[in-house]
PDB file of N, CA and C in Angstrom:
ATOM      1  N   SER A   1      -7.994 -28.185   1.766  1.00  0.00           N
ATOM      2  CA  SER A   1      -8.598 -26.947   1.279  1.00  0.00           C
ATOM      3  C   SER A   1      -7.663 -25.751   1.460  1.00  0.00           C
ATOM      4  N   ASP A   2      -6.733 -25.846   2.408  1.00  0.00           N
ATOM      5  CA  ASP A   2      -5.786 -24.759   2.656  1.00  0.00           C
ATOM      6  C   ASP A   2      -4.579 -24.831   1.715  1.00  0.00           C
ATOM      7  N   GLN A   3      -4.454 -25.923   0.982  1.00  0.00           N
ATOM      8  CA  GLN A   3      -3.288 -26.151   0.146  1.00  0.00           C
ATOM      9  C   GLN A   3      -3.105 -25.096  -0.945  1.00  0.00           C
ATOM     10  N   PRO A   4      -4.148 -24.677  -1.704  1.00  0.00           N
ATOM     11  CA  PRO A   4      -3.916 -23.667  -2.751  1.00  0.00           C
ATOM     12  C   PRO A   4      -3.397 -22.350  -2.202  1.00  0.00           C
ATOM     13  N   ALA A   5      -3.929 -21.900  -1.065  1.00  0.00           N
ATOM     14  CA  ALA A   5      -3.463 -20.639  -0.483  1.00  0.00           C
ATOM     15  C   ALA A   5      -2.012 -20.768  -0.038  1.00  0.00           C
ATOM     16  N   ARG A   6      -1.682 -21.888   0.576  1.00  0.00           N
ATOM     17  CA  ARG A   6      -0.311 -22.106   1.015  1.00  0.00           C
ATOM     18  C   ARG A   6       0.632 -22.163  -0.182  1.00  0.00           C
ATOM     19  N   SER A   7       0.182 -22.813  -1.241  1.00  0.00           N
ATOM     20  CA  SER A   7       1.010 -22.933  -2.442  1.00  0.00           C
ATOM     21  C   SER A   7       1.261 -21.563  -3.061  1.00  0.00           C
ATOM     22  N   CYS A   8       0.219 -20.727  -3.112  1.00  0.00           N
ATOM     23  CA  CYS A   8       0.355 -19.379  -3.670  1.00  0.00           C
ATOM     24  C   CYS A   8       1.338 -18.561  -2.835  1.00  0.00           C
ATOM     25  N   THR A   9       1.209 -18.646  -1.509  1.00  0.00           N
ATOM     26  CA  THR A   9       2.110 -17.923  -0.624  1.00  0.00           C
ATOM     27  C   THR A   9       3.537 -18.421  -0.795  1.00  0.00           C
ATOM     28  N   HIS A  10       3.699 -19.727  -0.819  1.00  0.00           N
ATOM     29  CA  HIS A  10       5.029 -20.304  -0.979  1.00  0.00           C
ATOM     30  C   HIS A  10       5.646 -19.863  -2.301  1.00  0.00           C
ATOM     31  N   ASN A  11       4.866 -19.894  -3.384  1.00  0.00           N
ATOM     32  CA  ASN A  11       5.379 -19.477  -4.692  1.00  0.00           C
ATOM     33  C   ASN A  11       5.785 -18.014  -4.688  1.00  0.00           C
ATOM     34  N   ALA A  12       4.993 -17.156  -4.049  1.00  0.00           N
ATOM     35  CA  ALA A  12       5.313 -15.724  -4.006  1.00  0.00           C
ATOM     36  C   ALA A  12       6.625 -15.496  -3.271  1.00  0.00           C
ATOM     37  N   PHE A  13       6.801 -16.160  -2.124  1.00  0.00           N
ATOM     38  CA  PHE A  13       8.031 -15.986  -1.364  1.00  0.00           C
ATOM     39  C   PHE A  13       9.223 -16.599  -2.086  1.00  0.00           C
ATOM     40  N   ALA A  14       9.003 -17.726  -2.750  1.00  0.00           N
ATOM     41  CA  ALA A  14      10.092 -18.367  -3.486  1.00  0.00           C
ATOM     42  C   ALA A  14      10.550 -17.474  -4.638  1.00  0.00           C
ATOM     43  N   GLN A  15       9.600 -16.871  -5.354  1.00  0.00           N
ATOM     44  CA  GLN A  15       9.960 -15.980  -6.459  1.00  0.00           C
ATOM     45  C   GLN A  15      10.698 -14.752  -5.939  1.00  0.00           C
ATOM     46  N   LEU A  16      10.270 -14.218  -4.808  1.00  0.00           N
ATOM     47  CA  LEU A  16      10.931 -13.052  -4.241  1.00  0.00           C
ATOM     48  C   LEU A  16      12.350 -13.402  -3.797  1.00  0.00           C
ATOM     49  N   ALA A  17      12.512 -14.574  -3.206  1.00  0.00           N
ATOM     50  CA  ALA A  17      13.842 -14.989  -2.753  1.00  0.00           C
ATOM     51  C   ALA A  17      14.797 -15.155  -3.930  1.00  0.00           C
ATOM     52  N   MET A  18      14.282 -15.538  -5.100  1.00  0.00           N
ATOM     53  CA  MET A  18      15.138 -15.740  -6.268  1.00  0.00           C
ATOM     54  C   MET A  18      15.353 -14.454  -7.055  1.00  0.00           C
ATOM     55  N   MET A  19      14.666 -13.368  -6.673  1.00  0.00           N
ATOM     56  CA  MET A  19      14.781 -12.113  -7.395  1.00  0.00           C
ATOM     57  C   MET A  19      16.166 -11.506  -7.186  1.00  0.00           C
ATOM     58  N   PRO A  20      16.869 -11.167  -8.261  1.00  0.00           N
ATOM     59  CA  PRO A  20      18.191 -10.551  -8.102  1.00  0.00           C
ATOM     60  C   PRO A  20      18.090  -9.209  -7.387  1.00  0.00           C
ATOM     61  N   ALA A  21      19.146  -8.829  -6.707  1.00  0.00           N
ATOM     62  CA  ALA A  21      19.152  -7.589  -5.925  1.00  0.00           C
ATOM     63  C   ALA A  21      18.902  -6.369  -6.796  1.00  0.00           C
ATOM     64  N   ASP A  22      19.343  -6.402  -8.066  1.00  0.00           N
ATOM     65  CA  ASP A  22      19.157  -5.224  -8.919  1.00  0.00           C
ATOM     66  C   ASP A  22      17.705  -5.045  -9.330  1.00  0.00           C
ATOM     67  N   GLN A  23      16.829  -6.029  -9.095  1.00  0.00           N
ATOM     68  CA  GLN A  23      15.413  -5.876  -9.412  1.00  0.00           C
ATOM     69  C   GLN A  23      14.624  -5.305  -8.247  1.00  0.00           C
ATOM     70  N   GLU A  24      15.287  -5.034  -7.141  1.00  0.00           N
ATOM     71  CA  GLU A  24      14.579  -4.487  -5.993  1.00  0.00           C
ATOM     72  C   GLU A  24      14.034  -3.102  -6.288  1.00  0.00           C
ATOM     73  N   SER A  25      14.734  -2.314  -7.075  1.00  0.00           N
ATOM     74  CA  SER A  25      14.269  -0.987  -7.431  1.00  0.00           C
ATOM     75  C   SER A  25      13.891  -0.987  -8.899  1.00  0.00           C
ATOM     76  N   VAL A  26      12.616  -0.766  -9.156  1.00  0.00           N
ATOM     77  CA  VAL A  26      12.109  -0.770 -10.518  1.00  0.00           C
ATOM     78  C   VAL A  26      11.601   0.632 -10.821  1.00  0.00           C
ATOM     79  N   GLY A  27      11.944   1.169 -11.975  1.00  0.00           N
ATOM     80  CA  GLY A  27      11.426   2.471 -12.355  1.00  0.00           C
ATOM     81  C   GLY A  27      12.520   3.510 -12.473  1.00  0.00           C
ATOM     82  N   PRO A  28      12.169   4.647 -13.058  1.00  0.00           N
ATOM     83  CA  PRO A  28      13.163   5.681 -13.338  1.00  0.00           C
ATOM     84  C   PRO A  28      13.533   6.551 -12.136  1.00  0.00           C
ATOM     85  N   LEU A  29      12.745   6.513 -11.070  1.00  0.00           N
ATOM     86  CA  LEU A  29      13.004   7.396  -9.927  1.00  0.00           C
ATOM     87  C   LEU A  29      13.969   6.751  -8.938  1.00  0.00           C
ATOM     88  N   PRO A  30      14.887   7.530  -8.381  1.00  0.00           N
ATOM     89  CA  PRO A  30      15.729   6.986  -7.311  1.00  0.00           C
ATOM     90  C   PRO A  30      14.855   6.586  -6.121  1.00  0.00           C
ATOM     91  N   GLU A  31      15.229   5.525  -5.455  1.00  0.00           N
ATOM     92  CA  GLU A  31      14.425   4.992  -4.340  1.00  0.00           C
ATOM     93  C   GLU A  31      14.122   6.043  -3.268  1.00  0.00           C
ATOM     94  N   PRO A  32      15.076   6.875  -2.828  1.00  0.00           N
ATOM     95  CA  PRO A  32      14.748   7.892  -1.814  1.00  0.00           C
ATOM     96  C   PRO A  32      13.688   8.894  -2.298  1.00  0.00           C
ATOM     97  N   LEU A  33      13.760   9.279  -3.567  1.00  0.00           N
ATOM     98  CA  LEU A  33      12.761  10.211  -4.100  1.00  0.00           C
ATOM     99  C   LEU A  33      11.387   9.558  -4.167  1.00  0.00           C
ATOM    100  N   ALA A  34      11.351   8.313  -4.625  1.00  0.00           N
ATOM    101  CA  ALA A  34      10.072   7.595  -4.696  1.00  0.00           C
ATOM    102  C   ALA A  34       9.449   7.474  -3.309  1.00  0.00           C
ATOM    103  N   LYS A  35      10.258   7.135  -2.299  1.00  0.00           N
ATOM    104  CA  LYS A  35       9.737   7.012  -0.935  1.00  0.00           C
ATOM    105  C   LYS A  35       9.294   8.361  -0.383  1.00  0.00           C
ATOM    106  N   ALA A  36      10.032   9.420  -0.686  1.00  0.00           N
ATOM    107  CA  ALA A  36       9.641  10.758  -0.217  1.00  0.00           C
ATOM    108  C   ALA A  36       8.296  11.167  -0.817  1.00  0.00           C
ATOM    109  N   LEU A  37       8.103  10.884  -2.099  1.00  0.00           N
ATOM    110  CA  LEU A  37       6.825  11.209  -2.744  1.00  0.00           C
ATOM    111  C   LEU A  37       5.686  10.367  -2.183  1.00  0.00           C
ATOM    112  N   LEU A  38       5.979   9.114  -1.912  1.00  0.00           N
ATOM    113  CA  LEU A  38       4.933   8.209  -1.441  1.00  0.00           C
ATOM    114  C   LEU A  38       4.541   8.477   0.007  1.00  0.00           C
ATOM    115  N   TYR A  39       5.525   8.688   0.873  1.00  0.00           N
ATOM    116  CA  TYR A  39       5.245   8.810   2.303  1.00  0.00           C
ATOM    117  C   TYR A  39       5.262  10.236   2.829  1.00  0.00           C
ATOM    118  N   GLY A  40       5.727  11.204   2.045  1.00  0.00           N
ATOM    119  CA  GLY A  40       5.897  12.552   2.555  1.00  0.00           C
ATOM    120  C   GLY A  40       4.691  13.450   2.421  1.00  0.00           C
ATOM    121  N   GLY A  41       3.725  13.083   1.624  1.00  0.00           N
ATOM    122  CA  GLY A  41       2.582  13.952   1.372  1.00  0.00           C
ATOM    123  C   GLY A  41       1.445  13.721   2.344  1.00  0.00           C
ATOM    124  N   ALA A  42       0.282  13.634   1.777  1.00  0.00           N
ATOM    125  CA  ALA A  42      -0.937  13.406   2.552  1.00  0.00           C
ATOM    126  C   ALA A  42      -0.863  12.048   3.241  1.00  0.00           C
ATOM    127  N   PRO A  43      -1.821  11.765   4.134  1.00  0.00           N
ATOM    128  CA  PRO A  43      -1.833  10.420   4.721  1.00  0.00           C
ATOM    129  C   PRO A  43      -1.796   9.360   3.632  1.00  0.00           C
ATOM    130  N   PHE A  44      -1.126   8.277   3.921  1.00  0.00           N
ATOM    131  CA  PHE A  44      -0.866   7.243   2.920  1.00  0.00           C
ATOM    132  C   PHE A  44      -2.141   6.759   2.230  1.00  0.00           C
ATOM    133  N   PHE A  45      -3.246   6.661   2.991  1.00  0.00           N
ATOM    134  CA  PHE A  45      -4.464   6.103   2.423  1.00  0.00           C
ATOM    135  C   PHE A  45      -5.218   7.099   1.544  1.00  0.00           C
ATOM    136  N   SER A  46      -4.796   8.347   1.502  1.00  0.00           N
ATOM    137  CA  SER A  46      -5.465   9.314   0.624  1.00  0.00           C
ATOM    138  C   SER A  46      -4.452  10.121  -0.183  1.00  0.00           C
ATOM    139  N   ASN A  47      -3.322   9.548  -0.456  1.00  0.00           N
ATOM    140  CA  ASN A  47      -2.264  10.245  -1.182  1.00  0.00           C
ATOM    141  C   ASN A  47      -2.609  10.300  -2.678  1.00  0.00           C
ATOM    142  N   PRO A  48      -2.842  11.486  -3.226  1.00  0.00           N
ATOM    143  CA  PRO A  48      -3.217  11.579  -4.647  1.00  0.00           C
ATOM    144  C   PRO A  48      -2.073  11.235  -5.602  1.00  0.00           C
ATOM    145  N   VAL A  49      -0.850  11.211  -5.110  1.00  0.00           N
ATOM    146  CA  VAL A  49       0.304  10.911  -5.953  1.00  0.00           C
ATOM    147  C   VAL A  49       0.500   9.399  -6.106  1.00  0.00           C
ATOM    148  N   LYS A  50      -0.094   8.614  -5.210  1.00  0.00           N
ATOM    149  CA  LYS A  50       0.146   7.177  -5.175  1.00  0.00           C
ATOM    150  C   LYS A  50      -0.163   6.460  -6.500  1.00  0.00           C
ATOM    151  N   PRO A  51      -1.316   6.680  -7.146  1.00  0.00           N
ATOM    152  CA  PRO A  51      -1.565   5.978  -8.415  1.00  0.00           C
ATOM    153  C   PRO A  51      -0.556   6.333  -9.511  1.00  0.00           C
ATOM    154  N   VAL A  52      -0.185   7.603  -9.584  1.00  0.00           N
ATOM    155  CA  VAL A  52       0.788   8.034 -10.594  1.00  0.00           C
ATOM    156  C   VAL A  52       2.155   7.426 -10.293  1.00  0.00           C
ATOM    157  N   LEU A  53       2.544   7.479  -9.024  1.00  0.00           N
ATOM    158  CA  LEU A  53       3.830   6.917  -8.628  1.00  0.00           C
ATOM    159  C   LEU A  53       3.872   5.414  -8.889  1.00  0.00           C
ATOM    160  N   ASN A  54       2.776   4.730  -8.640  1.00  0.00           N
ATOM    161  CA  ASN A  54       2.725   3.292  -8.904  1.00  0.00           C
ATOM    162  C   ASN A  54       2.875   3.003 -10.391  1.00  0.00           C
ATOM    163  N   ALA A  55       2.273   3.831 -11.233  1.00  0.00           N
ATOM    164  CA  ALA A  55       2.395   3.638 -12.679  1.00  0.00           C
ATOM    165  C   ALA A  55       3.842   3.850 -13.143  1.00  0.00           C
ATOM    166  N   ILE A  56       4.529   4.803 -12.522  1.00  0.00           N
ATOM    167  CA  ILE A  56       5.907   5.118 -12.921  1.00  0.00           C
ATOM    168  C   ILE A  56       6.918   4.184 -12.263  1.00  0.00           C
ATOM    169  N   HIS A  57       6.723   3.908 -10.978  1.00  0.00           N
ATOM    170  CA  HIS A  57       7.749   3.258 -10.176  1.00  0.00           C
ATOM    171  C   HIS A  57       7.228   1.988  -9.497  1.00  0.00           C
ATOM    172  N   GLY A  58       6.217   1.349 -10.077  1.00  0.00           N
ATOM    173  CA  GLY A  58       5.596   0.186  -9.444  1.00  0.00           C
ATOM    174  C   GLY A  58       6.552  -0.974  -9.237  1.00  0.00           C
ATOM    175  N   GLN A  59       6.255  -1.774  -8.247  1.00  0.00           N
ATOM    176  CA  GLN A  59       7.055  -2.949  -7.912  1.00  0.00           C
ATOM    177  C   GLN A  59       6.314  -4.209  -8.356  1.00  0.00           C
ATOM    178  N   PRO A  60       7.028  -5.307  -8.532  1.00  0.00           N
ATOM    179  CA  PRO A  60       6.371  -6.567  -8.892  1.00  0.00           C
ATOM    180  C   PRO A  60       5.408  -7.018  -7.791  1.00  0.00           C
ATOM    181  N   TYR A  61       4.394  -7.768  -8.180  1.00  0.00           N
ATOM    182  CA  TYR A  61       3.389  -8.235  -7.231  1.00  0.00           C
ATOM    183  C   TYR A  61       4.011  -9.043  -6.102  1.00  0.00           C
ATOM    184  N   THR A  62       4.968  -9.888  -6.412  1.00  0.00           N
ATOM    185  CA  THR A  62       5.568 -10.730  -5.371  1.00  0.00           C
ATOM    186  C   THR A  62       6.215  -9.891  -4.278  1.00  0.00           C
ATOM    187  N   ARG A  63       6.870  -8.804  -4.658  1.00  0.00           N
ATOM    188  CA  ARG A  63       7.492  -7.936  -3.657  1.00  0.00           C
ATOM    189  C   ARG A  63       6.414  -7.214  -2.837  1.00  0.00           C
ATOM    190  N   ALA A  64       5.391  -6.722  -3.519  1.00  0.00           N
ATOM    191  CA  ALA A  64       4.311  -6.024  -2.816  1.00  0.00           C
ATOM    192  C   ALA A  64       3.604  -6.969  -1.846  1.00  0.00           C
ATOM    193  N   TYR A  65       3.330  -8.199  -2.295  1.00  0.00           N
ATOM    194  CA  TYR A  65       2.666  -9.169  -1.427  1.00  0.00           C
ATOM    195  C   TYR A  65       3.546  -9.506  -0.227  1.00  0.00           C
ATOM    196  N   PHE A  66       4.827  -9.694  -0.448  1.00  0.00           N
ATOM    197  CA  PHE A  66       5.748  -9.991   0.641  1.00  0.00           C
ATOM    198  C   PHE A  66       5.702  -8.892   1.698  1.00  0.00           C
ATOM    199  N   HIS A  67       5.787  -7.635   1.270  1.00  0.00           N
ATOM    200  CA  HIS A  67       5.769  -6.522   2.219  1.00  0.00           C
ATOM    201  C   HIS A  67       4.405  -6.374   2.883  1.00  0.00           C
ATOM    202  N   PHE A  68       3.333  -6.559   2.122  1.00  0.00           N
ATOM    203  CA  PHE A  68       1.992  -6.468   2.706  1.00  0.00           C
ATOM    204  C   PHE A  68       1.814  -7.520   3.794  1.00  0.00           C
ATOM    205  N   ARG A  69       2.166  -8.754   3.477  1.00  0.00           N
ATOM    206  CA  ARG A  69       1.997  -9.844   4.444  1.00  0.00           C
ATOM    207  C   ARG A  69       2.892  -9.626   5.671  1.00  0.00           C
ATOM    208  N   ARG A  70       4.119  -9.216   5.448  1.00  0.00           N
ATOM    209  CA  ARG A  70       5.048  -8.961   6.549  1.00  0.00           C
ATOM    210  C   ARG A  70       4.524  -7.850   7.469  1.00  0.00           C
ATOM    211  N   ASP A  71       4.002  -6.783   6.862  1.00  0.00           N
ATOM    212  CA  ASP A  71       3.606  -5.604   7.642  1.00  0.00           C
ATOM    213  C   ASP A  71       2.224  -5.705   8.267  1.00  0.00           C
ATOM    214  N   HIS A  72       1.449  -6.718   7.908  1.00  0.00           N
ATOM    215  CA  HIS A  72       0.093  -6.833   8.428  1.00  0.00           C
ATOM    216  C   HIS A  72      -0.092  -8.062   9.311  1.00  0.00           C
ATOM    217  N   GLN A  73       0.970  -8.542   9.923  1.00  0.00           N
ATOM    218  CA  GLN A  73       0.897  -9.673  10.846  1.00  0.00           C
ATOM    219  C   GLN A  73       0.858  -9.222  12.304  1.00  0.00           C
ATOM    220  N   ASP A  74       1.320  -8.041  12.576  1.00  0.00           N
ATOM    221  CA  ASP A  74       1.421  -7.537  13.937  1.00  0.00           C
ATOM    222  C   ASP A  74       0.085  -6.928  14.386  1.00  0.00           C
ATOM    223  N   PRO A  75      -0.483  -7.385  15.500  1.00  0.00           N
ATOM    224  CA  PRO A  75      -1.760  -6.824  15.974  1.00  0.00           C
ATOM    225  C   PRO A  75      -1.695  -5.320  16.232  1.00  0.00           C
ATOM    226  N   PHE A  76      -0.545  -4.825  16.680  1.00  0.00           N
ATOM    227  CA  PHE A  76      -0.391  -3.391  16.928  1.00  0.00           C
ATOM    228  C   PHE A  76      -0.551  -2.614  15.624  1.00  0.00           C
ATOM    229  N   ASN A  77       0.056  -3.121  14.543  1.00  0.00           N
ATOM    230  CA  ASN A  77      -0.061  -2.498  13.227  1.00  0.00           C
ATOM    231  C   ASN A  77      -1.511  -2.529  12.748  1.00  0.00           C
ATOM    232  N   LEU A  78      -2.185  -3.652  12.951  1.00  0.00           N
ATOM    233  CA  LEU A  78      -3.591  -3.765  12.538  1.00  0.00           C
ATOM    234  C   LEU A  78      -4.481  -2.815  13.337  1.00  0.00           C
ATOM    235  N   PHE A  79      -4.157  -2.614  14.599  1.00  0.00           N
ATOM    236  CA  PHE A  79      -4.895  -1.657  15.420  1.00  0.00           C
ATOM    237  C   PHE A  79      -4.811  -0.254  14.810  1.00  0.00           C
ATOM    238  N   PHE A  80      -3.603   0.147  14.400  1.00  0.00           N
ATOM    239  CA  PHE A  80      -3.444   1.466  13.797  1.00  0.00           C
ATOM    240  C   PHE A  80      -4.130   1.543  12.433  1.00  0.00           C
ATOM    241  N   HIS A  81      -4.163   0.448  11.703  1.00  0.00           N
ATOM    242  CA  HIS A  81      -4.917   0.426  10.450  1.00  0.00           C
ATOM    243  C   HIS A  81      -6.407   0.674  10.719  1.00  0.00           C
ATOM    244  N   CYS A  82      -6.931   0.079  11.779  1.00  0.00           N
ATOM    245  CA  CYS A  82      -8.336   0.298  12.133  1.00  0.00           C
ATOM    246  C   CYS A  82      -8.578   1.757  12.518  1.00  0.00           C
ATOM    247  N   LEU A  83      -7.641   2.357  13.240  1.00  0.00           N
ATOM    248  CA  LEU A  83      -7.772   3.784  13.569  1.00  0.00           C
ATOM    249  C   LEU A  83      -7.806   4.633  12.293  1.00  0.00           C
ATOM    250  N   CYS A  84      -6.954   4.297  11.336  1.00  0.00           N
ATOM    251  CA  CYS A  84      -6.954   5.031  10.063  1.00  0.00           C
ATOM    252  C   CYS A  84      -8.272   4.851   9.328  1.00  0.00           C
ATOM    253  N   LEU A  85      -8.832   3.656   9.414  1.00  0.00           N
ATOM    254  CA  LEU A  85     -10.120   3.407   8.772  1.00  0.00           C
ATOM    255  C   LEU A  85     -11.205   4.294   9.381  1.00  0.00           C
ATOM    256  N   VAL A  86     -11.242   4.369  10.704  1.00  0.00           N
ATOM    257  CA  VAL A  86     -12.216   5.230  11.385  1.00  0.00           C
ATOM    258  C   VAL A  86     -11.981   6.687  11.007  1.00  0.00           C
ATOM    259  N   PHE A  87     -10.736   7.113  10.994  1.00  0.00           N
ATOM    260  CA  PHE A  87     -10.356   8.473  10.603  1.00  0.00           C
ATOM    261  C   PHE A  87     -10.852   8.780   9.187  1.00  0.00           C
ATOM    262  N   GLN A  88     -10.584   7.857   8.254  1.00  0.00           N
ATOM    263  CA  GLN A  88     -10.992   8.051   6.860  1.00  0.00           C
ATOM    264  C   GLN A  88     -12.512   8.082   6.727  1.00  0.00           C
ATOM    265  N   LEU A  89     -13.203   7.185   7.413  1.00  0.00           N
ATOM    266  CA  LEU A  89     -14.669   7.183   7.351  1.00  0.00           C
ATOM    267  C   LEU A  89     -15.243   8.486   7.898  1.00  0.00           C
ATOM    268  N   GLY A  90     -14.652   9.003   8.968  1.00  0.00           N
ATOM    269  CA  GLY A  90     -15.105  10.280   9.519  1.00  0.00           C
ATOM    270  C   GLY A  90     -14.965  11.402   8.503  1.00  0.00           C
ATOM    271  N   PHE A  91     -13.828  11.438   7.811  1.00  0.00           N
ATOM    272  CA  PHE A  91     -13.641  12.464   6.789  1.00  0.00           C
ATOM    273  C   PHE A  91     -14.590  12.272   5.613  1.00  0.00           C
ATOM    274  N   ASN A  92     -14.864  11.027   5.244  1.00  0.00           N
ATOM    275  CA  ASN A  92     -15.795  10.788   4.146  1.00  0.00           C
ATOM    276  C   ASN A  92     -17.184  11.319   4.494  1.00  0.00           C
ATOM    277  N   TYR A  93     -17.651  11.041   5.727  1.00  0.00           N
ATOM    278  CA  TYR A  93     -18.966  11.536   6.123  1.00  0.00           C
ATOM    279  C   TYR A  93     -18.969  13.059   6.238  1.00  0.00           C
ATOM    280  N   SER A  94     -17.887  13.635   6.705  1.00  0.00           N
ATOM    281  CA  SER A  94     -17.795  15.099   6.772  1.00  0.00           C
ATOM    282  C   SER A  94     -17.837  15.704   5.377  1.00  0.00           C
ATOM    283  N   LEU A  95     -17.123  15.094   4.439  1.00  0.00           N
ATOM    284  CA  LEU A  95     -17.122  15.582   3.069  1.00  0.00           C
ATOM    285  C   LEU A  95     -18.525  15.482   2.464  1.00  0.00           C
ATOM    286  N   LEU A  96     -19.206  14.351   2.689  1.00  0.00           N
ATOM    287  CA  LEU A  96     -20.564  14.200   2.169  1.00  0.00           C
ATOM    288  C   LEU A  96     -21.511  15.215   2.800  1.00  0.00           C
ATOM    289  N   SER A  97     -21.341  15.493   4.098  1.00  0.00           N
ATOM    290  CA  SER A  97     -22.180  16.472   4.789  1.00  0.00           C
ATOM    291  C   SER A  97     -21.975  17.868   4.200  1.00  0.00           C
ATOM    292  N   GLU A  98     -20.712  18.240   3.968  1.00  0.00           N
ATOM    293  CA  GLU A  98     -20.419  19.556   3.396  1.00  0.00           C
ATOM    294  C   GLU A  98     -20.928  19.650   1.956  1.00  0.00           C
ATOM    295  N   ALA A  99     -20.784  18.575   1.202  1.00  0.00           N
ATOM    296  CA  ALA A  99     -21.284  18.579  -0.176  1.00  0.00           C
ATOM    297  C   ALA A  99     -22.804  18.698  -0.182  1.00  0.00           C
ATOM    298  N   GLY A 100     -23.460  17.992   0.740  1.00  0.00           N
ATOM    299  CA  GLY A 100     -24.914  18.079   0.833  1.00  0.00           C
ATOM    300  C   GLY A 100     -25.369  19.469   1.224  1.00  0.00           C
ATOM    301  N   ALA A 101     -24.668  20.098   2.158  1.00  0.00           N
ATOM    302  CA  ALA A 101     -25.005  21.469   2.583  1.00  0.00           C
ATOM    303  C   ALA A 101     -24.802  22.451   1.440  1.00  0.00           C
ATOM    304  N   GLY A 102     -23.765  22.209   0.636  1.00  0.00           N
ATOM    305  CA  GLY A 102     -23.497  23.097  -0.503  1.00  0.00           C
ATOM    306  C   GLY A 102     -24.539  22.966  -1.602  1.00  0.00           C
ATOM    307  N   ILE A 103     -25.065  21.774  -1.778  1.00  0.00           N
ATOM    308  CA  ILE A 103     -26.080  21.529  -2.823  1.00  0.00           C
ATOM    309  C   ILE A 103     -27.430  22.061  -2.382  1.00  0.00           C
ATOM    310  N   ALA A 104     -27.731  21.913  -1.084  1.00  0.00           N
ATOM    311  CA  ALA A 104     -29.077  22.279  -0.575  1.00  0.00           C
ATOM    312  C   ALA A 104     -29.317  23.745  -0.549  1.00  0.00           C
TER     313      ALA A 104
END
């Protein structure tokens, strides 16, 4: 039952390993500018530029999956992701509270 997931993972890594070096950067923006736009603004999970930047400078799924899997294996990293989730939920409830107060 674990075979399809393993096969998908293996295929993604195999495709990434065969990707030529010149395909690492896709899109019209220089890599430093793209990273500055992506990481320099608001918190990553609420960055309004992210969807636009992805449309302009998006990466192939195999590369994104490779980085996602690599970066989400460490328990310390997952702990900080949970903190961000709590932070984001707090802001969502605060925003809803302020919107409700404004409507009432």
